[in-house]
Amino acid sequence: MIPPTEDPEPGQPTDESEPERLPPKQPARAKAGEAEEELPRMTLLEHLNELRRRILRTLIVVLVAFFACFAFAEEIYTLLAKPIAPHVDQLAFDGVADPFIVYVKVALLASVFVTAPYLVAQLWGFVSPGLYRREKRYAIPFIFFGSFFFLGGGAFGYFVALPFAVEFLVNMGLNANWDADIRIERYLSFAVNVLLGLAVMFQLPIVIFMLSQLGVVTPRFLMRHFRWAVLIIIILSAAITPTPDVVNMTIVAGPTLLLYLVGVGASALVQRRRKRLDEEAEG
């Protein structure tokens, strides 16, 4: 039988010193920190109420900007009509209320571009409750680059895509010896479609960056499905500029594909940063 070990008397040194206890490991602290940073839980009704408040604020701001832009509706319309002015002598209207409707649409379009930073900020405010503290630091870059790409898409549509599309479509009829009797409202609808469509499509890098930040997509996933992205971008480009020629479609699809690759690069930066943070946490 093994004799029982006697407990040392108080103050008497032991033969074998007890191994020193280490402090808790860093991952335990990290887990505690994550517990403190637990995301707020919101019910579906709370999400809908938050969405309603954001939409209401947006509508109020856009409405205020609309009245301010309506005072300059004639000047804004003159700018929008410049791409088609060299091809037709004068635009026509066939309804009594058409001039008023055109000015309303023009002022509304201008108010959307004027309030673009606020619209992007409201979008961030709706998404941010589902983000961690380290992810909320991207608020200012998101608002800045979101507004920049939105306005940049509108500027690209006005200076590049819209003139090319108008020239091709109008010359197609003039070369067939047809008289150009273009309605103001139909031309304006076409211009709004091009400008807003490109402004939204130019948000592609921001969307990819946010999806990468949330862990939804990775650079490998984006490149593996690149051909599907090309197909979708071509279809959207054809919808924005409904012209049968390849040149006008390329004018819209080319920059959008480039922005897609920019988004892939942003996703790679997010993945590299996340990998570095994981290595530091393990260390």
Protein backbone atom coordinates (compact mmCIF):
# COMPACT_ATOMS: atom_id res chain seq x y z
CA MET A 1 0.00 0.00 0.00
CA ILE A 2 1.14 3.52 -0.73
CA PRO A 3 1.31 5.55 2.47
CA PRO A 4 -0.91 8.60 2.40
CA THR A 5 0.86 11.83 1.87
CA GLU A 6 0.89 14.14 4.82
CA ASP A 7 -0.20 17.71 4.32
CA PRO A 8 2.61 20.12 5.06
CA GLU A 9 2.22 22.27 8.10
CA PRO A 10 1.42 25.91 7.58
CA GLY A 11 4.51 27.86 6.70
CA GLN A 12 6.57 24.72 6.04
CA PRO A 13 8.10 24.65 2.52
CA THR A 14 7.11 21.78 0.29
CA ASP A 15 9.63 19.52 -1.40
CA GLU A 16 8.14 20.03 -4.81
CA SER A 17 7.03 23.54 -5.52
CA GLU A 18 3.57 23.78 -6.99
CA PRO A 19 3.65 25.00 -10.60
CA GLU A 20 2.85 28.66 -10.94
CA ARG A 21 -0.68 29.32 -12.10
CA LEU A 22 -0.85 31.22 -15.36
CA PRO A 23 -3.27 34.08 -15.89
CA PRO A 24 -6.32 33.36 -18.01
CA LYS A 25 -5.60 33.02 -21.68
CA GLN A 26 -6.21 35.93 -23.99
CA PRO A 27 -9.00 34.15 -25.92
CA ALA A 28 -11.03 34.09 -22.72
CA ARG A 29 -10.74 37.86 -22.50
CA ALA A 30 -11.63 38.14 -26.14
CA LYS A 31 -14.75 36.09 -25.54
CA ALA A 32 -15.66 38.26 -22.60
CA GLY A 33 -15.14 41.34 -24.74
CA GLU A 34 -17.33 39.86 -27.43
CA ALA A 35 -20.00 39.14 -24.83
CA GLU A 36 -19.94 42.78 -23.80
CA GLU A 37 -20.20 43.75 -27.47
CA GLU A 38 -23.19 41.54 -28.08
CA LEU A 39 -25.35 42.92 -30.84
CA PRO A 40 -28.67 44.42 -29.80
CA ARG A 41 -31.60 42.15 -30.50
CA MET A 42 -34.43 43.70 -32.44
CA THR A 43 -37.74 42.15 -33.30
CA LEU A 44 -39.23 42.27 -36.77
CA LEU A 45 -41.63 44.99 -35.66
CA GLU A 46 -38.72 47.08 -34.33
CA HIS A 47 -36.88 46.68 -37.65
CA LEU A 48 -39.97 47.81 -39.53
CA ASN A 49 -40.41 50.81 -37.24
CA GLU A 50 -36.75 51.75 -37.73
CA LEU A 51 -37.16 51.42 -41.49
CA ARG A 52 -40.29 53.57 -41.38
CA ARG A 53 -38.48 56.29 -39.43
CA ARG A 54 -35.55 56.27 -41.87
CA ILE A 55 -37.85 56.46 -44.89
CA LEU A 56 -39.87 59.28 -43.32
CA ARG A 57 -36.74 61.33 -42.61
CA THR A 58 -35.49 60.72 -46.12
CA LEU A 59 -38.77 61.81 -47.68
CA ILE A 60 -38.80 65.01 -45.61
CA VAL A 61 -35.25 65.94 -46.63
CA VAL A 62 -35.87 65.10 -50.29
CA LEU A 63 -39.10 67.11 -50.20
CA VAL A 64 -37.31 70.18 -48.82
CA ALA A 65 -34.61 69.82 -51.49
CA PHE A 66 -37.34 69.34 -54.10
CA PHE A 67 -38.90 72.75 -53.40
CA ALA A 68 -35.46 74.35 -53.51
CA CYS A 69 -34.65 72.68 -56.84
CA PHE A 70 -38.08 73.44 -58.30
CA ALA A 71 -37.18 77.15 -58.21
CA PHE A 72 -34.38 76.33 -60.68
CA ALA A 73 -36.29 73.69 -62.67
CA GLU A 74 -35.98 75.56 -65.95
CA GLU A 75 -32.20 75.89 -65.65
CA ILE A 76 -31.85 72.25 -64.64
CA TYR A 77 -33.99 71.15 -67.59
CA THR A 78 -31.78 73.18 -69.95
CA LEU A 79 -28.77 71.23 -68.70
CA LEU A 80 -30.55 67.90 -69.13
CA ALA A 81 -31.60 68.82 -72.68
CA LYS A 82 -28.05 69.64 -73.83
CA PRO A 83 -27.22 66.08 -74.99
CA ILE A 84 -30.14 66.10 -77.44
CA ALA A 85 -30.05 69.78 -78.42
CA PRO A 86 -27.56 69.33 -81.32
CA HIS A 87 -29.75 66.65 -82.95
CA VAL A 88 -33.24 68.21 -82.88
CA ASP A 89 -34.41 71.78 -83.31
CA GLN A 90 -36.96 71.72 -80.51
CA LEU A 91 -38.62 69.17 -78.25
CA ALA A 92 -42.40 68.97 -78.29
CA PHE A 93 -45.18 68.20 -75.83
CA ASP A 94 -48.72 67.02 -76.50
CA GLY A 95 -50.38 67.52 -73.12
CA VAL A 96 -51.42 70.68 -71.31
CA ALA A 97 -49.86 69.52 -68.04
CA ASP A 98 -46.69 68.12 -69.62
CA PRO A 99 -44.46 71.17 -68.92
CA PHE A 100 -45.42 71.14 -65.25
CA ILE A 101 -44.86 67.37 -64.99
CA VAL A 102 -41.47 67.74 -66.66
CA TYR A 103 -40.38 70.43 -64.19
CA VAL A 104 -41.55 68.27 -61.30
CA LYS A 105 -39.52 65.31 -62.54
CA VAL A 106 -36.49 67.51 -63.15
CA ALA A 107 -36.64 68.99 -59.64
CA LEU A 108 -37.14 65.55 -58.10
CA LEU A 109 -34.16 64.13 -59.97
CA ALA A 110 -31.97 67.04 -58.88
CA SER A 111 -33.12 66.70 -55.26
CA VAL A 112 -32.07 63.03 -55.21
CA PHE A 113 -28.53 63.91 -56.30
CA VAL A 114 -28.34 66.92 -53.97
CA THR A 115 -29.34 64.84 -50.94
CA ALA A 116 -27.21 61.81 -51.92
CA PRO A 117 -24.91 62.04 -48.84
CA TYR A 118 -27.91 62.12 -46.52
CA LEU A 119 -29.52 59.17 -48.31
CA VAL A 120 -26.35 57.12 -47.95
CA ALA A 121 -26.10 58.14 -44.26
CA GLN A 122 -29.66 56.94 -43.65
CA LEU A 123 -28.83 53.64 -45.32
CA TRP A 124 -25.83 53.26 -43.03
CA GLY A 125 -27.94 54.17 -40.01
CA PHE A 126 -30.37 51.38 -40.83
CA VAL A 127 -27.62 48.77 -41.36
CA SER A 128 -25.27 49.78 -38.52
CA PRO A 129 -27.22 48.15 -35.62
CA GLY A 130 -26.30 44.78 -37.11
CA LEU A 131 -22.57 45.56 -37.09
CA TYR A 132 -19.90 45.17 -34.40
CA ARG A 133 -18.07 48.13 -32.94
CA ARG A 134 -14.98 47.55 -35.08
CA GLU A 135 -17.21 47.49 -38.18
CA LYS A 136 -19.01 50.71 -37.26
CA ARG A 137 -15.74 52.59 -37.74
CA TYR A 138 -16.39 52.45 -41.47
CA ALA A 139 -19.29 54.90 -41.19
CA ILE A 140 -17.46 57.96 -42.54
CA PRO A 141 -15.70 56.07 -45.41
CA PHE A 142 -19.00 54.40 -46.32
CA ILE A 143 -20.87 57.70 -46.49
CA PHE A 144 -18.03 59.45 -48.34
CA PHE A 145 -17.38 56.79 -50.96
CA GLY A 146 -21.07 55.92 -51.30
CA SER A 147 -21.87 59.56 -52.10
CA PHE A 148 -18.80 59.84 -54.34
CA PHE A 149 -19.71 56.80 -56.45
CA PHE A 150 -23.38 57.83 -56.63
CA LEU A 151 -22.55 61.31 -57.89
CA GLY A 152 -19.77 59.91 -60.07
CA GLY A 153 -22.21 57.50 -61.71
CA GLY A 154 -24.61 60.35 -62.43
CA ALA A 155 -21.80 62.48 -63.88
CA PHE A 156 -20.60 59.60 -66.04
CA GLY A 157 -24.13 59.11 -67.33
CA TYR A 158 -24.57 62.80 -68.14
CA PHE A 159 -21.22 63.46 -69.81
CA VAL A 160 -20.56 60.09 -71.48
CA ALA A 161 -23.37 57.52 -71.63
CA LEU A 162 -26.34 59.80 -72.31
CA PRO A 163 -24.75 61.76 -75.21
CA PHE A 164 -23.57 58.58 -76.92
CA ALA A 165 -26.93 56.85 -76.52
CA VAL A 166 -28.90 59.88 -77.74
CA GLU A 167 -26.64 60.40 -80.73
CA PHE A 168 -26.90 56.78 -81.81
CA LEU A 169 -30.66 56.52 -81.41
CA VAL A 170 -31.54 59.86 -83.01
CA ASN A 171 -29.16 59.40 -85.94
CA MET A 172 -30.66 55.99 -86.57
CA GLY A 173 -34.00 57.66 -87.34
CA LEU A 174 -32.51 60.63 -89.19
CA ASN A 175 -30.47 58.35 -91.46
CA ALA A 176 -33.71 56.60 -92.38
CA ASN A 177 -35.12 60.01 -93.52
CA TRP A 178 -37.57 60.17 -90.64
CA ASP A 179 -38.60 63.44 -89.01
CA ALA A 180 -37.61 63.82 -85.38
CA ASP A 181 -40.67 64.75 -83.32
CA ILE A 182 -39.38 63.86 -79.86
CA ARG A 183 -41.60 64.42 -76.83
CA ILE A 184 -40.13 66.18 -73.84
CA GLU A 185 -41.54 63.75 -71.31
CA ARG A 186 -40.28 60.66 -73.15
CA TYR A 187 -36.79 62.09 -73.52
CA LEU A 188 -36.73 63.06 -69.85
CA SER A 189 -37.80 59.56 -68.81
CA PHE A 190 -34.95 58.14 -70.87
CA ALA A 191 -32.45 60.58 -69.32
CA VAL A 192 -33.63 59.80 -65.78
CA ASN A 193 -33.31 56.09 -66.51
CA VAL A 194 -29.70 56.49 -67.64
CA LEU A 195 -28.59 58.86 -64.88
CA LEU A 196 -30.18 57.09 -61.92
CA GLY A 197 -29.37 53.66 -63.31
CA LEU A 198 -25.67 54.44 -63.57
CA ALA A 199 -25.66 56.17 -60.18
CA VAL A 200 -27.02 53.01 -58.58
CA MET A 201 -24.73 50.67 -60.55
CA PHE A 202 -21.70 52.67 -59.44
CA GLN A 203 -22.50 51.60 -55.85
CA LEU A 204 -21.19 48.13 -56.70
CA PRO A 205 -17.80 48.46 -54.90
CA ILE A 206 -19.53 49.70 -51.73
CA VAL A 207 -21.99 46.80 -51.78
CA ILE A 208 -19.19 44.27 -52.29
CA PHE A 209 -17.15 45.84 -49.50
CA MET A 210 -20.04 45.66 -47.03
CA LEU A 211 -20.86 42.06 -47.99
CA SER A 212 -17.20 41.15 -47.50
CA GLN A 213 -17.15 42.91 -44.14
CA LEU A 214 -20.16 40.84 -43.07
CA GLY A 215 -18.51 37.65 -44.32
CA VAL A 216 -21.09 37.00 -47.03
CA VAL A 217 -18.66 37.01 -49.97
CA THR A 218 -14.93 36.46 -50.40
CA PRO A 219 -12.51 37.38 -53.23
CA ARG A 220 -12.36 33.75 -54.32
CA PHE A 221 -16.15 33.56 -54.47
CA LEU A 222 -16.35 36.79 -56.49
CA MET A 223 -13.76 35.68 -59.04
CA ARG A 224 -15.22 32.19 -59.31
CA HIS A 225 -18.57 33.72 -60.27
CA PHE A 226 -17.06 36.46 -62.42
CA ARG A 227 -18.71 35.25 -65.63
CA TRP A 228 -22.13 35.42 -63.96
CA ALA A 229 -21.32 38.95 -62.83
CA VAL A 230 -20.43 39.85 -66.43
CA LEU A 231 -23.75 38.45 -67.67
CA ILE A 232 -25.79 40.36 -65.06
CA ILE A 233 -23.90 43.59 -65.71
CA ILE A 234 -24.48 43.28 -69.47
CA ILE A 235 -28.20 42.70 -68.94
CA LEU A 236 -28.47 45.74 -66.64
CA SER A 237 -26.44 47.82 -69.10
CA ALA A 238 -28.79 46.85 -71.91
CA ALA A 239 -31.76 47.88 -69.74
CA ILE A 240 -30.21 51.26 -68.90
CA THR A 241 -29.22 52.10 -72.48
CA PRO A 242 -31.64 50.16 -74.70
CA THR A 243 -29.54 50.35 -77.85
CA PRO A 244 -28.74 47.39 -80.10
CA ASP A 245 -25.11 48.40 -80.74
CA VAL A 246 -22.19 47.07 -78.77
CA VAL A 247 -20.52 50.47 -78.37
CA ASN A 248 -23.18 52.06 -76.16
CA MET A 249 -23.55 48.88 -74.12
CA THR A 250 -19.80 48.77 -73.58
CA ILE A 251 -19.78 52.38 -72.43
CA VAL A 252 -21.96 51.35 -69.49
CA ALA A 253 -20.79 47.77 -68.94
CA GLY A 254 -17.06 48.53 -69.14
CA PRO A 255 -16.82 50.91 -66.15
CA THR A 256 -19.20 48.70 -64.16
CA LEU A 257 -16.96 45.66 -64.68
CA LEU A 258 -13.99 47.76 -63.63
CA LEU A 259 -15.86 48.75 -60.47
CA TYR A 260 -16.60 45.08 -59.85
CA LEU A 261 -12.88 44.37 -59.89
CA VAL A 262 -12.34 47.31 -57.55
CA GLY A 263 -14.84 45.67 -55.23
CA VAL A 264 -12.89 42.40 -55.46
CA GLY A 265 -9.76 44.29 -54.40
CA ALA A 266 -11.63 45.83 -51.48
CA SER A 267 -12.86 42.38 -50.49
CA ALA A 268 -9.26 41.09 -50.55
CA LEU A 269 -8.20 43.91 -48.21
CA VAL A 270 -11.03 43.01 -45.83
CA GLN A 271 -10.03 39.35 -45.85
CA ARG A 272 -6.36 40.15 -45.25
CA ARG A 273 -7.22 42.44 -42.33
CA ARG A 274 -9.52 39.82 -40.81
CA LYS A 275 -6.78 37.18 -41.12
CA ARG A 276 -4.30 39.48 -39.38
CA LEU A 277 -6.73 40.11 -36.53
CA ASP A 278 -7.29 36.36 -36.14
CA GLU A 279 -3.54 35.76 -35.96
CA GLU A 280 -3.15 38.47 -33.34
CA ALA A 281 -5.98 36.97 -31.30
CA GLU A 282 -4.39 33.52 -31.45
CA GLY A 283 -1.04 34.98 -30.45
